[in-house]
Amino acid sequence: MIPRNQKFLYIASLLLVLLATSSEAKIFKKCDLAKELGKSGISRTFHGNWICLANAESGLDTTKLTQLPNLTASYGIFQINSKQWCRSGRKGGVCNMKCEDFLDDNITNDIECVKIIQSRLGFNGWPIWVKKCKGKELPNISNCYI
């Protein structure tokens, strides 16, 4: 069990991160996200899955921060978790990135990390993708490339 004062410090530091990144908030439109995915080298074949995932995870909001009961947190538009993929306050995790860097409107680093996650676990690495996107009708983004 974590002492009460450590929990308070952890929550206070997360609130500071939220305040610091609130001026850089962006809620993507699906076509804008599709273009960013394309710029990062993700095949158009998968854009619908990524957009469905991001919409289900964060409502396409780059500043979404979810505090979880296991004292980890999920960050950004793709809700990248601090337990395995990044570290709070410093670079680390499998992606070797700072979790807070996923809370700004530049999602290049988010995409680099989710490419690693997806290569290791597939989209099944996101339980919400399984629930909301797998085998379901994906967002129609055909007009995004005209």
Protein backbone atom coordinates (compact mmCIF):
# COMPACT_ATOMS: atom_id res chain seq x y z
CA MET A 1 0.00 0.00 0.00
CA ILE A 2 1.30 3.45 -0.90
CA PRO A 3 1.49 6.01 1.89
CA ARG A 4 -1.12 8.74 1.72
CA ASN A 5 1.39 11.58 1.23
CA GLN A 6 2.96 9.79 -1.78
CA LYS A 7 -0.47 9.39 -3.40
CA PHE A 8 -1.10 13.10 -2.88
CA LEU A 9 2.23 14.03 -4.48
CA TYR A 10 1.55 11.71 -7.42
CA ILE A 11 -1.91 13.19 -8.02
CA ALA A 12 -0.63 16.76 -7.57
CA SER A 13 2.14 16.18 -10.14
CA LEU A 14 -0.39 14.79 -12.62
CA LEU A 15 -2.56 17.88 -12.13
CA LEU A 16 0.44 20.10 -12.83
CA VAL A 17 1.07 18.19 -16.04
CA LEU A 18 -2.52 18.77 -17.07
CA LEU A 19 -2.26 22.48 -16.36
CA ALA A 20 1.02 22.77 -18.22
CA THR A 21 -0.34 21.06 -21.33
CA SER A 22 -3.80 22.62 -21.39
CA SER A 23 -2.62 25.44 -23.65
CA GLU A 24 -1.48 22.86 -26.22
CA ALA A 25 -4.80 20.98 -26.38
CA LYS A 26 -6.09 19.69 -29.67
CA ILE A 27 -9.07 17.59 -30.53
CA PHE A 28 -8.39 16.12 -33.94
CA LYS A 29 -10.87 15.78 -36.74
CA LYS A 30 -10.71 12.32 -38.28
CA CYS A 31 -9.30 13.57 -41.62
CA ASP A 32 -6.57 15.55 -39.86
CA LEU A 33 -5.63 12.45 -37.89
CA ALA A 34 -5.62 10.36 -41.09
CA LYS A 35 -3.18 12.84 -42.65
CA GLU A 36 -0.89 12.67 -39.59
CA LEU A 37 -0.96 8.88 -39.70
CA GLY A 38 -0.02 8.97 -43.38
CA LYS A 39 2.85 11.40 -42.75
CA SER A 40 4.19 8.96 -40.14
CA GLY A 41 4.25 6.10 -42.60
CA ILE A 42 1.17 4.20 -41.46
CA SER A 43 -0.54 2.49 -44.39
CA ARG A 44 -3.98 3.86 -45.34
CA THR A 45 -5.25 0.31 -44.93
CA PHE A 46 -5.00 0.78 -41.15
CA HIS A 47 -6.14 4.41 -40.82
CA GLY A 48 -9.74 3.44 -40.05
CA ASN A 49 -8.57 1.18 -37.20
CA TRP A 50 -6.31 3.88 -35.74
CA ILE A 51 -9.01 6.54 -35.95
CA CYS A 52 -11.59 4.22 -34.39
CA LEU A 53 -9.11 3.40 -31.61
CA ALA A 54 -8.21 7.04 -30.92
CA ASN A 55 -11.85 8.06 -30.92
CA ALA A 56 -12.79 5.25 -28.52
CA GLU A 57 -9.81 5.91 -26.22
CA SER A 58 -9.76 9.71 -26.04
CA GLY A 59 -12.44 11.24 -28.24
CA LEU A 60 -9.45 12.31 -30.42
CA ASP A 61 -8.26 14.57 -27.57
CA THR A 62 -4.47 14.88 -27.33
CA THR A 63 -4.59 15.97 -23.68
CA LYS A 64 -6.59 13.10 -22.24
CA LEU A 65 -4.99 11.70 -19.10
CA THR A 66 -6.56 8.71 -17.37
CA GLN A 67 -5.46 7.80 -13.86
CA LEU A 68 -5.91 4.07 -13.29
CA PRO A 69 -6.50 2.11 -10.05
CA ASN A 70 -3.13 0.33 -10.39
CA LEU A 71 -1.40 3.75 -10.01
CA THR A 72 -0.42 3.89 -13.67
CA ALA A 73 -1.82 6.40 -16.11
CA SER A 74 -2.71 6.42 -19.78
CA TYR A 75 -1.70 9.43 -21.84
CA GLY A 76 -2.80 11.23 -24.97
CA ILE A 77 -4.90 10.55 -28.01
CA PHE A 78 -4.04 6.80 -28.04
CA GLN A 79 -3.98 6.42 -24.20
CA ILE A 80 -0.44 5.04 -23.98
CA ASN A 81 0.06 3.46 -20.56
CA SER A 82 2.91 4.31 -18.19
CA LYS A 83 3.25 0.77 -16.81
CA GLN A 84 5.05 -0.62 -19.85
CA TRP A 85 5.38 1.87 -22.69
CA CYS A 86 6.62 5.18 -21.22
CA ARG A 87 7.72 6.70 -17.91
CA SER A 88 6.23 9.59 -16.00
CA GLY A 89 8.72 12.42 -15.53
CA ARG A 90 11.54 10.87 -17.54
CA LYS A 91 12.25 8.91 -20.70
CA GLY A 92 11.76 5.19 -20.34
CA GLY A 93 9.58 2.19 -21.00
CA VAL A 94 9.58 0.16 -24.19
CA CYS A 95 9.08 3.32 -26.28
CA ASN A 96 11.84 5.16 -24.35
CA MET A 97 9.65 8.24 -24.08
CA LYS A 98 8.33 10.56 -21.39
CA CYS A 99 4.60 9.95 -20.91
CA GLU A 100 3.86 13.66 -20.57
CA ASP A 101 5.15 14.20 -24.11
CA PHE A 102 2.01 12.39 -25.32
CA LEU A 103 -0.21 15.19 -23.97
CA ASP A 104 0.61 17.92 -26.50
CA ASP A 105 -0.84 18.56 -29.93
CA ASN A 106 2.19 17.15 -31.76
CA ILE A 107 1.35 13.46 -32.07
CA THR A 108 4.45 12.38 -34.00
CA ASN A 109 5.97 10.77 -30.91
CA ASP A 110 2.61 9.22 -29.95
CA ILE A 111 2.44 7.57 -33.38
CA GLU A 112 6.02 6.30 -33.09
CA CYS A 113 5.17 4.66 -29.78
CA VAL A 114 1.87 3.13 -30.94
CA LYS A 115 3.66 1.66 -33.94
CA ILE A 116 5.87 -0.21 -31.45
CA ILE A 117 2.86 -1.32 -29.40
CA GLN A 118 0.99 -2.43 -32.50
CA SER A 119 4.00 -4.35 -33.84
CA ARG A 120 4.23 -6.29 -30.57
CA LEU A 121 0.57 -6.80 -29.66
CA GLY A 122 -1.47 -5.84 -32.70
CA PHE A 123 -4.56 -3.75 -32.10
CA ASN A 124 -5.50 -6.31 -29.43
CA GLY A 125 -3.08 -4.38 -27.20
CA TRP A 126 -5.98 -1.95 -26.69
CA PRO A 127 -8.97 -3.72 -25.07
CA ILE A 128 -11.23 -0.85 -26.15
CA TRP A 129 -10.30 -1.49 -29.81
CA VAL A 130 -11.45 -5.10 -29.38
CA LYS A 131 -14.73 -3.89 -27.85
CA LYS A 132 -15.49 -0.89 -30.08
CA CYS A 133 -13.66 -1.43 -33.38
CA LYS A 134 -12.80 -5.09 -34.08
CA GLY A 135 -15.27 -6.52 -36.57
CA LYS A 136 -17.29 -3.30 -36.49
CA GLU A 137 -17.84 -0.68 -39.17
CA LEU A 138 -14.84 1.62 -39.09
CA PRO A 139 -15.01 5.39 -39.67
CA ASN A 140 -15.48 6.34 -43.31
CA ILE A 141 -12.40 8.34 -44.20
CA SER A 142 -12.44 7.88 -47.98
CA ASN A 143 -13.15 11.59 -48.47
CA CYS A 144 -10.04 12.51 -46.46
CA TYR A 145 -7.71 11.70 -49.35
CA ILE A 146 -9.38 13.68 -52.13
